[in-house]
PDB file of N, CA and C in Angstrom:
ATOM      1  N   UNK A   1       0.884  -0.826   0.040  1.00  0.00           N
ATOM      2  CA  UNK A   1      -0.264  -0.067  -0.141  1.00  0.00           C
ATOM      3  C   UNK A   1       0.661   1.150  -0.078  1.00  0.00           C
ATOM      4  N   UNK A   2       0.443   2.262   0.276  1.00  0.00           N
ATOM      5  CA  UNK A   2       1.153   3.529  -0.753  1.00  0.00           C
ATOM      6  C   UNK A   2       0.991   4.418   0.684  1.00  0.00           C
ATOM      7  N   UNK A   3       2.271   5.011   0.735  1.00  0.00           N
ATOM      8  CA  UNK A   3       1.751   5.366   2.670  1.00  0.00           C
ATOM      9  C   UNK A   3       1.492   7.116   2.113  1.00  0.00           C
ATOM     10  N   UNK A   4       2.322   7.713   0.617  1.00  0.00           N
ATOM     11  CA  UNK A   4       1.942   8.198   0.236  1.00  0.00           C
ATOM     12  C   UNK A   4       0.178   9.114  -0.380  1.00  0.00           C
ATOM     13  N   UNK A   5      -0.524   7.745   0.337  1.00  0.00           N
ATOM     14  CA  UNK A   5      -1.734   8.185  -0.489  1.00  0.00           C
ATOM     15  C   UNK A   5      -2.763   9.405   0.339  1.00  0.00           C
ATOM     16  N   UNK A   6      -2.900  10.785  -0.653  1.00  0.00           N
ATOM     17  CA  UNK A   6      -3.757  11.799   0.113  1.00  0.00           C
ATOM     18  C   UNK A   6      -4.958  11.799  -0.144  1.00  0.00           C
ATOM     19  N   UNK A   7      -5.784  12.705   0.665  1.00  0.00           N
ATOM     20  CA  UNK A   7      -7.203  12.632   1.028  1.00  0.00           C
ATOM     21  C   UNK A   7      -7.582  13.586   0.453  1.00  0.00           C
ATOM     22  N   UNK A   8      -9.128  12.887  -0.233  1.00  0.00           N
ATOM     23  CA  UNK A   8      -9.872  14.189  -1.462  1.00  0.00           C
ATOM     24  C   UNK A   8      -9.693  15.626  -1.159  1.00  0.00           C
ATOM     25  N   UNK A   9     -10.230  15.136  -2.165  1.00  0.00           N
ATOM     26  CA  UNK A   9     -10.520  17.492  -2.131  1.00  0.00           C
ATOM     27  C   UNK A   9     -11.885  17.369  -1.940  1.00  0.00           C
ATOM     28  N   UNK A  10     -11.830  18.135  -1.672  1.00  0.00           N
ATOM     29  CA  UNK A  10     -13.433  18.759  -0.696  1.00  0.00           C
ATOM     30  C   UNK A  10     -13.760  20.419  -1.879  1.00  0.00           C
ATOM     31  N   UNK A  11     -12.789  20.655  -2.552  1.00  0.00           N
ATOM     32  CA  UNK A  11     -12.729  22.358  -3.163  1.00  0.00           C
ATOM     33  C   UNK A  11     -13.700  21.796  -4.359  1.00  0.00           C
ATOM     34  N   UNK A  12     -14.740  20.848  -5.341  1.00  0.00           N
ATOM     35  CA  UNK A  12     -15.129  20.607  -5.878  1.00  0.00           C
ATOM     36  C   UNK A  12     -16.659  20.395  -5.699  1.00  0.00           C
ATOM     37  N   UNK A  13     -17.111  19.889  -4.717  1.00  0.00           N
ATOM     38  CA  UNK A  13     -18.181  20.135  -4.129  1.00  0.00           C
ATOM     39  C   UNK A  13     -18.468  20.853  -3.192  1.00  0.00           C
ATOM     40  N   UNK A  14     -17.321  22.241  -2.923  1.00  0.00           N
ATOM     41  CA  UNK A  14     -17.870  23.121  -1.970  1.00  0.00           C
ATOM     42  C   UNK A  14     -17.991  24.162  -3.469  1.00  0.00           C
ATOM     43  N   UNK A  15     -17.433  24.196  -4.333  1.00  0.00           N
ATOM     44  CA  UNK A  15     -17.422  25.626  -5.577  1.00  0.00           C
ATOM     45  C   UNK A  15     -18.708  24.626  -6.384  1.00  0.00           C
ATOM     46  N   UNK A  16     -19.454  23.609  -6.161  1.00  0.00           N
ATOM     47  CA  UNK A  16     -20.103  23.264  -7.500  1.00  0.00           C
ATOM     48  C   UNK A  16     -21.705  24.041  -6.235  1.00  0.00           C
ATOM     49  N   UNK A  17     -21.333  23.083  -4.721  1.00  0.00           N
ATOM     50  CA  UNK A  17     -22.802  24.106  -3.763  1.00  0.00           C
ATOM     51  C   UNK A  17     -22.484  25.921  -3.845  1.00  0.00           C
ATOM     52  N   UNK A  18     -21.377  26.407  -4.154  1.00  0.00           N
ATOM     53  CA  UNK A  18     -21.722  27.635  -4.029  1.00  0.00           C
ATOM     54  C   UNK A  18     -21.937  28.421  -4.938  1.00  0.00           C
ATOM     55  N   UNK A  19     -21.926  27.537  -6.498  1.00  0.00           N
ATOM     56  CA  UNK A  19     -22.056  28.029  -7.919  1.00  0.00           C
ATOM     57  C   UNK A  19     -24.083  27.687  -7.823  1.00  0.00           C
ATOM     58  N   UNK A  20     -24.202  26.701  -7.541  1.00  0.00           N
ATOM     59  CA  UNK A  20     -25.666  26.210  -7.011  1.00  0.00           C
ATOM     60  C   UNK A  20     -26.735  27.052  -6.391  1.00  0.00           C
ATOM     61  N   UNK A  21     -25.893  27.934  -5.213  1.00  0.00           N
ATOM     62  CA  UNK A  21     -26.650  28.864  -3.988  1.00  0.00           C
ATOM     63  C   UNK A  21     -26.810  30.511  -5.136  1.00  0.00           C
ATOM     64  N   UNK A  22     -25.657  30.259  -5.433  1.00  0.00           N
ATOM     65  CA  UNK A  22     -25.658  31.719  -6.389  1.00  0.00           C
ATOM     66  C   UNK A  22     -26.457  31.780  -7.839  1.00  0.00           C
ATOM     67  N   UNK A  23     -26.686  30.854  -7.980  1.00  0.00           N
ATOM     68  CA  UNK A  23     -27.408  30.660  -9.066  1.00  0.00           C
ATOM     69  C   UNK A  23     -29.259  30.847  -8.656  1.00  0.00           C
ATOM     70  N   UNK A  24     -29.503  30.116  -7.214  1.00  0.00           N
ATOM     71  CA  UNK A  24     -30.604  30.103  -7.057  1.00  0.00           C
ATOM     72  C   UNK A  24     -30.769  31.885  -6.426  1.00  0.00           C
ATOM     73  N   UNK A  25     -29.581  32.295  -5.990  1.00  0.00           N
ATOM     74  CA  UNK A  25     -30.635  32.902  -5.190  1.00  0.00           C
ATOM     75  C   UNK A  25     -30.837  34.364  -6.936  1.00  0.00           C
ATOM     76  N   UNK A  26     -30.073  34.393  -7.316  1.00  0.00           N
ATOM     77  CA  UNK A  26     -30.248  34.892  -9.003  1.00  0.00           C
ATOM     78  C   UNK A  26     -32.171  34.118  -9.709  1.00  0.00           C
ATOM     79  N   UNK A  27     -32.258  33.051  -9.319  1.00  0.00           N
ATOM     80  CA  UNK A  27     -33.508  32.764  -9.733  1.00  0.00           C
ATOM     81  C   UNK A  27     -34.294  33.294  -8.769  1.00  0.00           C
ATOM     82  N   UNK A  28     -34.212  33.484  -7.654  1.00  0.00           N
ATOM     83  CA  UNK A  28     -35.170  33.649  -6.704  1.00  0.00           C
ATOM     84  C   UNK A  28     -35.241  35.574  -7.132  1.00  0.00           C
ATOM     85  N   UNK A  29     -34.294  36.555  -7.785  1.00  0.00           N
ATOM     86  CA  UNK A  29     -34.406  37.842  -7.723  1.00  0.00           C
ATOM     87  C   UNK A  29     -35.187  37.793  -9.156  1.00  0.00           C
ATOM     88  N   UNK A  30     -34.688  37.141  -9.776  1.00  0.00           N
ATOM     89  CA  UNK A  30     -35.905  36.936 -11.424  1.00  0.00           C
ATOM     90  C   UNK A  30     -37.130  36.957 -10.781  1.00  0.00           C
ATOM     91  N   UNK A  31     -37.873  36.464  -9.784  1.00  0.00           N
ATOM     92  CA  UNK A  31     -39.143  35.719 -10.367  1.00  0.00           C
ATOM     93  C   UNK A  31     -39.301  36.987  -9.341  1.00  0.00           C
ATOM     94  N   UNK A  32     -38.959  37.357  -8.469  1.00  0.00           N
ATOM     95  CA  UNK A  32     -39.545  38.920  -7.677  1.00  0.00           C
ATOM     96  C   UNK A  32     -39.803  39.618  -8.217  1.00  0.00           C
ATOM     97  N   UNK A  33     -38.073  40.359  -9.705  1.00  0.00           N
ATOM     98  CA  UNK A  33     -38.583  41.142 -10.313  1.00  0.00           C
ATOM     99  C   UNK A  33     -39.648  41.183 -11.688  1.00  0.00           C
ATOM    100  N   UNK A  34     -40.262  39.916 -11.753  1.00  0.00           N
ATOM    101  CA  UNK A  34     -41.333  39.837 -12.387  1.00  0.00           C
ATOM    102  C   UNK A  34     -40.503  40.001 -13.771  1.00  0.00           C
ATOM    103  N   UNK A  35     -39.668  38.464 -14.340  1.00  0.00           N
ATOM    104  CA  UNK A  35     -39.059  38.254 -15.478  1.00  0.00           C
ATOM    105  C   UNK A  35     -40.188  37.737 -15.979  1.00  0.00           C
ATOM    106  N   UNK A  36     -39.717  37.396 -17.604  1.00  0.00           N
ATOM    107  CA  UNK A  36     -40.092  36.452 -17.849  1.00  0.00           C
ATOM    108  C   UNK A  36     -39.837  35.010 -17.575  1.00  0.00           C
ATOM    109  N   UNK A  37     -41.534  34.509 -17.831  1.00  0.00           N
ATOM    110  CA  UNK A  37     -42.369  33.053 -17.423  1.00  0.00           C
ATOM    111  C   UNK A  37     -41.122  32.286 -17.737  1.00  0.00           C
ATOM    112  N   UNK A  38     -40.710  31.940 -19.517  1.00  0.00           N
ATOM    113  CA  UNK A  38     -39.898  31.138 -20.499  1.00  0.00           C
ATOM    114  C   UNK A  38     -38.728  31.341 -19.195  1.00  0.00           C
ATOM    115  N   UNK A  39     -38.005  32.137 -18.867  1.00  0.00           N
ATOM    116  CA  UNK A  39     -36.350  32.511 -18.436  1.00  0.00           C
ATOM    117  C   UNK A  39     -36.198  32.394 -17.278  1.00  0.00           C
ATOM    118  N   UNK A  40     -37.477  32.340 -16.456  1.00  0.00           N
ATOM    119  CA  UNK A  40     -38.212  31.949 -14.873  1.00  0.00           C
ATOM    120  C   UNK A  40     -37.639  30.478 -15.052  1.00  0.00           C
ATOM    121  N   UNK A  41     -38.716  29.518 -15.744  1.00  0.00           N
ATOM    122  CA  UNK A  41     -38.809  28.154 -16.426  1.00  0.00           C
ATOM    123  C   UNK A  41     -37.429  27.248 -16.140  1.00  0.00           C
ATOM    124  N   UNK A  42     -36.553  28.217 -17.089  1.00  0.00           N
ATOM    125  CA  UNK A  42     -35.089  27.731 -17.744  1.00  0.00           C
ATOM    126  C   UNK A  42     -33.714  27.887 -16.569  1.00  0.00           C
ATOM    127  N   UNK A  43     -34.471  28.961 -15.652  1.00  0.00           N
ATOM    128  CA  UNK A  43     -33.680  29.233 -14.870  1.00  0.00           C
ATOM    129  C   UNK A  43     -34.099  27.718 -13.632  1.00  0.00           C
ATOM    130  N   UNK A  44     -35.417  28.261 -13.228  1.00  0.00           N
ATOM    131  CA  UNK A  44     -35.417  26.980 -12.427  1.00  0.00           C
ATOM    132  C   UNK A  44     -35.242  25.681 -12.644  1.00  0.00           C
ATOM    133  N   UNK A  45     -35.171  25.184 -14.193  1.00  0.00           N
ATOM    134  CA  UNK A  45     -34.712  24.309 -13.905  1.00  0.00           C
ATOM    135  C   UNK A  45     -33.028  23.805 -14.650  1.00  0.00           C
ATOM    136  N   UNK A  46     -32.428  25.010 -14.136  1.00  0.00           N
ATOM    137  CA  UNK A  46     -30.752  25.233 -14.756  1.00  0.00           C
ATOM    138  C   UNK A  46     -30.164  24.601 -13.171  1.00  0.00           C
ATOM    139  N   UNK A  47     -30.612  25.575 -12.699  1.00  0.00           N
ATOM    140  CA  UNK A  47     -30.742  25.757 -10.737  1.00  0.00           C
ATOM    141  C   UNK A  47     -30.695  24.103 -10.023  1.00  0.00           C
ATOM    142  N   UNK A  48     -32.121  23.547 -10.411  1.00  0.00           N
ATOM    143  CA  UNK A  48     -32.233  22.479 -10.557  1.00  0.00           C
ATOM    144  C   UNK A  48     -31.163  21.166 -10.257  1.00  0.00           C
ATOM    145  N   UNK A  49     -30.722  21.170 -11.995  1.00  0.00           N
ATOM    146  CA  UNK A  49     -29.340  20.300 -12.105  1.00  0.00           C
ATOM    147  C   UNK A  49     -27.713  21.127 -11.324  1.00  0.00           C
ATOM    148  N   UNK A  50     -27.807  22.159 -10.866  1.00  0.00           N
ATOM    149  CA  UNK A  50     -26.814  22.953 -10.288  1.00  0.00           C
ATOM    150  C   UNK A  50     -26.841  21.965  -9.038  1.00  0.00           C
ATOM    151  N   UNK A  51     -27.948  22.195  -8.418  1.00  0.00           N
ATOM    152  CA  UNK A  51     -27.863  21.438  -7.229  1.00  0.00           C
ATOM    153  C   UNK A  51     -28.108  20.029  -6.870  1.00  0.00           C
ATOM    154  N   UNK A  52     -28.153  18.948  -8.323  1.00  0.00           N
ATOM    155  CA  UNK A  52     -28.596  18.332  -8.268  1.00  0.00           C
ATOM    156  C   UNK A  52     -26.501  18.194  -8.773  1.00  0.00           C
ATOM    157  N   UNK A  53     -25.681  18.908  -9.404  1.00  0.00           N
ATOM    158  CA  UNK A  53     -24.558  18.303  -9.533  1.00  0.00           C
ATOM    159  C   UNK A  53     -23.991  18.696  -8.014  1.00  0.00           C
ATOM    160  N   UNK A  54     -24.585  19.230  -6.998  1.00  0.00           N
ATOM    161  CA  UNK A  54     -23.732  19.529  -5.759  1.00  0.00           C
ATOM    162  C   UNK A  54     -23.944  17.993  -4.843  1.00  0.00           C
ATOM    163  N   UNK A  55     -24.953  18.137  -4.801  1.00  0.00           N
ATOM    164  CA  UNK A  55     -25.553  16.858  -4.905  1.00  0.00           C
ATOM    165  C   UNK A  55     -24.550  15.552  -5.180  1.00  0.00           C
ATOM    166  N   UNK A  56     -24.516  15.291  -6.224  1.00  0.00           N
ATOM    167  CA  UNK A  56     -23.642  14.126  -6.372  1.00  0.00           C
ATOM    168  C   UNK A  56     -22.068  14.336  -6.333  1.00  0.00           C
ATOM    169  N   UNK A  57     -21.550  15.379  -6.272  1.00  0.00           N
ATOM    170  CA  UNK A  57     -20.080  16.040  -5.877  1.00  0.00           C
ATOM    171  C   UNK A  57     -19.932  15.845  -4.236  1.00  0.00           C
ATOM    172  N   UNK A  58     -20.941  15.871  -3.550  1.00  0.00           N
ATOM    173  CA  UNK A  58     -20.651  15.713  -2.135  1.00  0.00           C
ATOM    174  C   UNK A  58     -20.767  14.410  -1.544  1.00  0.00           C
ATOM    175  N   UNK A  59     -21.188  12.926  -2.637  1.00  0.00           N
ATOM    176  CA  UNK A  59     -21.988  12.247  -2.560  1.00  0.00           C
ATOM    177  C   UNK A  59     -20.462  11.544  -2.980  1.00  0.00           C
ATOM    178  N   UNK A  60     -19.797  11.967  -3.979  1.00  0.00           N
ATOM    179  CA  UNK A  60     -18.527  11.265  -4.289  1.00  0.00           C
ATOM    180  C   UNK A  60     -16.998  11.637  -3.604  1.00  0.00           C
ATOM    181  N   UNK A  61     -16.975  12.808  -2.505  1.00  0.00           N
ATOM    182  CA  UNK A  61     -16.083  13.522  -1.740  1.00  0.00           C
ATOM    183  C   UNK A  61     -16.319  12.334  -0.812  1.00  0.00           C
ATOM    184  N   UNK A  62     -17.664  12.489  -0.126  1.00  0.00           N
ATOM    185  CA  UNK A  62     -18.380  11.209   1.298  1.00  0.00           C
ATOM    186  C   UNK A  62     -17.338  10.074   0.664  1.00  0.00           C
ATOM    187  N   UNK A  63     -18.099   9.325  -0.251  1.00  0.00           N
ATOM    188  CA  UNK A  63     -17.514   7.976  -0.799  1.00  0.00           C
ATOM    189  C   UNK A  63     -15.565   8.210  -0.994  1.00  0.00           C
ATOM    190  N   UNK A  64     -15.212   9.029  -1.874  1.00  0.00           N
ATOM    191  CA  UNK A  64     -13.521   9.064  -1.307  1.00  0.00           C
ATOM    192  C   UNK A  64     -12.887   8.914  -0.135  1.00  0.00           C
ATOM    193  N   UNK A  65     -13.397  10.204   0.824  1.00  0.00           N
ATOM    194  CA  UNK A  65     -12.940  10.082   2.050  1.00  0.00           C
ATOM    195  C   UNK A  65     -13.037   8.647   2.877  1.00  0.00           C
ATOM    196  N   UNK A  66     -13.910   8.165   2.484  1.00  0.00           N
ATOM    197  CA  UNK A  66     -14.314   6.934   3.839  1.00  0.00           C
ATOM    198  C   UNK A  66     -13.463   5.572   3.304  1.00  0.00           C
ATOM    199  N   UNK A  67     -13.370   5.525   1.871  1.00  0.00           N
ATOM    200  CA  UNK A  67     -12.284   5.091   1.443  1.00  0.00           C
ATOM    201  C   UNK A  67     -11.072   5.229   2.103  1.00  0.00           C
ATOM    202  N   UNK A  68     -10.481   6.759   1.564  1.00  0.00           N
ATOM    203  CA  UNK A  68      -9.345   7.004   2.698  1.00  0.00           C
ATOM    204  C   UNK A  68      -8.949   6.636   3.146  1.00  0.00           C
ATOM    205  N   UNK A  69     -10.058   6.616   4.430  1.00  0.00           N
ATOM    206  CA  UNK A  69     -10.024   6.547   5.768  1.00  0.00           C
ATOM    207  C   UNK A  69     -10.005   4.952   6.143  1.00  0.00           C
ATOM    208  N   UNK A  70     -10.217   4.746   5.261  1.00  0.00           N
ATOM    209  CA  UNK A  70     -10.519   2.816   5.945  1.00  0.00           C
ATOM    210  C   UNK A  70      -8.890   2.730   5.035  1.00  0.00           C
ATOM    211  N   UNK A  71      -8.563   2.462   4.202  1.00  0.00           N
ATOM    212  CA  UNK A  71      -7.116   2.832   3.264  1.00  0.00           C
ATOM    213  C   UNK A  71      -6.282   2.644   5.017  1.00  0.00           C
ATOM    214  N   UNK A  72      -6.161   4.337   5.051  1.00  0.00           N
ATOM    215  CA  UNK A  72      -5.550   4.635   6.653  1.00  0.00           C
ATOM    216  C   UNK A  72      -5.360   3.671   7.483  1.00  0.00           C
ATOM    217  N   UNK A  73      -6.805   3.320   8.235  1.00  0.00           N
ATOM    218  CA  UNK A  73      -6.944   2.374   9.126  1.00  0.00           C
ATOM    219  C   UNK A  73      -6.002   1.175   8.519  1.00  0.00           C
ATOM    220  N   UNK A  74      -6.140   0.560   7.554  1.00  0.00           N
ATOM    221  CA  UNK A  74      -5.689  -0.919   7.263  1.00  0.00           C
ATOM    222  C   UNK A  74      -4.088  -0.718   7.140  1.00  0.00           C
ATOM    223  N   UNK A  75      -3.492   0.798   6.794  1.00  0.00           N
ATOM    224  CA  UNK A  75      -1.633   0.365   7.039  1.00  0.00           C
ATOM    225  C   UNK A  75      -1.867   0.425   8.292  1.00  0.00           C
ATOM    226  N   UNK A  76      -2.508   1.355   8.949  1.00  0.00           N
ATOM    227  CA  UNK A  76      -1.835   1.310  10.801  1.00  0.00           C
ATOM    228  C   UNK A  76      -2.288  -0.022  11.451  1.00  0.00           C
ATOM    229  N   UNK A  77      -3.089  -0.982  11.027  1.00  0.00           N
ATOM    230  CA  UNK A  77      -3.408  -2.334  11.620  1.00  0.00           C
ATOM    231  C   UNK A  77      -1.739  -3.128  11.063  1.00  0.00           C
ATOM    232  N   UNK A  78      -1.644  -2.977   9.892  1.00  0.00           N
ATOM    233  CA  UNK A  78      -0.733  -3.542   9.478  1.00  0.00           C
ATOM    234  C   UNK A  78       0.347  -3.038   9.981  1.00  0.00           C
ATOM    235  N   UNK A  79       1.031  -2.298   9.946  1.00  0.00           N
ATOM    236  CA  UNK A  79       2.100  -1.727  10.893  1.00  0.00           C
ATOM    237  C   UNK A  79       2.500  -1.947  12.024  1.00  0.00           C
ATOM    238  N   UNK A  80       0.833  -2.392  12.962  1.00  0.00           N
ATOM    239  CA  UNK A  80       0.933  -2.413  14.069  1.00  0.00           C
ATOM    240  C   UNK A  80       0.885  -3.796  14.508  1.00  0.00           C
ATOM    241  N   UNK A  81       0.416  -4.935  13.634  1.00  0.00           N
ATOM    242  CA  UNK A  81       0.553  -6.107  13.380  1.00  0.00           C
ATOM    243  C   UNK A  81       2.181  -7.060  12.958  1.00  0.00           C
ATOM    244  N   UNK A  82       2.314  -5.699  12.411  1.00  0.00           N
ATOM    245  CA  UNK A  82       4.360  -6.359  11.960  1.00  0.00           C
ATOM    246  C   UNK A  82       5.149  -5.927  13.039  1.00  0.00           C
ATOM    247  N   UNK A  83       4.697  -4.860  13.429  1.00  0.00           N
ATOM    248  CA  UNK A  83       5.598  -4.482  15.066  1.00  0.00           C
ATOM    249  C   UNK A  83       5.668  -5.642  16.007  1.00  0.00           C
ATOM    250  N   UNK A  84       4.576  -6.360  16.331  1.00  0.00           N
ATOM    251  CA  UNK A  84       4.060  -7.055  17.504  1.00  0.00           C
ATOM    252  C   UNK A  84       5.039  -8.446  17.384  1.00  0.00           C
ATOM    253  N   UNK A  85       5.594  -8.486  18.300  1.00  0.00           N
ATOM    254  CA  UNK A  85       5.811 -10.105  18.652  1.00  0.00           C
ATOM    255  C   UNK A  85       4.343 -10.774  18.895  1.00  0.00           C
ATOM    256  N   UNK A  86       4.765 -12.157  18.841  1.00  0.00           N
ATOM    257  CA  UNK A  86       4.511 -13.491  19.153  1.00  0.00           C
ATOM    258  C   UNK A  86       5.210 -13.613  21.143  1.00  0.00           C
ATOM    259  N   UNK A  87       3.993 -13.693  21.682  1.00  0.00           N
ATOM    260  CA  UNK A  87       4.577 -14.007  23.520  1.00  0.00           C
ATOM    261  C   UNK A  87       4.600 -15.226  24.140  1.00  0.00           C
ATOM    262  N   UNK A  88       5.339 -15.694  24.333  1.00  0.00           N
ATOM    263  CA  UNK A  88       5.237 -17.093  24.661  1.00  0.00           C
ATOM    264  C   UNK A  88       4.600 -17.318  26.395  1.00  0.00           C
ATOM    265  N   UNK A  89       3.214 -17.820  25.386  1.00  0.00           N
ATOM    266  CA  UNK A  89       2.093 -17.961  26.727  1.00  0.00           C
ATOM    267  C   UNK A  89       3.094 -19.641  27.548  1.00  0.00           C
ATOM    268  N   UNK A  90       3.425 -19.109  28.796  1.00  0.00           N
ATOM    269  CA  UNK A  90       3.545 -20.468  29.963  1.00  0.00           C
ATOM    270  C   UNK A  90       2.415 -21.514  30.036  1.00  0.00           C
ATOM    271  N   UNK A  91       2.657 -22.490  29.834  1.00  0.00           N
ATOM    272  CA  UNK A  91       1.490 -23.777  30.198  1.00  0.00           C
ATOM    273  C   UNK A  91       1.474 -23.820  31.060  1.00  0.00           C
ATOM    274  N   UNK A  92      -0.123 -23.810  31.315  1.00  0.00           N
ATOM    275  CA  UNK A  92      -0.680 -24.753  32.841  1.00  0.00           C
ATOM    276  C   UNK A  92      -1.511 -25.849  32.903  1.00  0.00           C
ATOM    277  N   UNK A  93      -1.123 -26.962  34.182  1.00  0.00           N
ATOM    278  CA  UNK A  93      -1.605 -27.829  34.113  1.00  0.00           C
ATOM    279  C   UNK A  93      -2.838 -28.289  35.066  1.00  0.00           C
TER     280      UNK A  93
END
């Protein structure tokens, strides 16, 4: 196993979430100002897709993080197992 394995980056998930939130704020502003109906509907559909993308990015990030932690714990267990020596246990009659 590779000891230089790096944890997954959270930047993609955070940036896609922020992008979805800013687009949602723009959509709400457009709805408040009374924009054209087709433009508001298009904006709503785009926002639904952006929010779906953000959720997908978080799922991918958490799966990668869980895999990273499992791999890290396995490495620690293997290093502990290789360092321990079996101890002779005296027999009792």
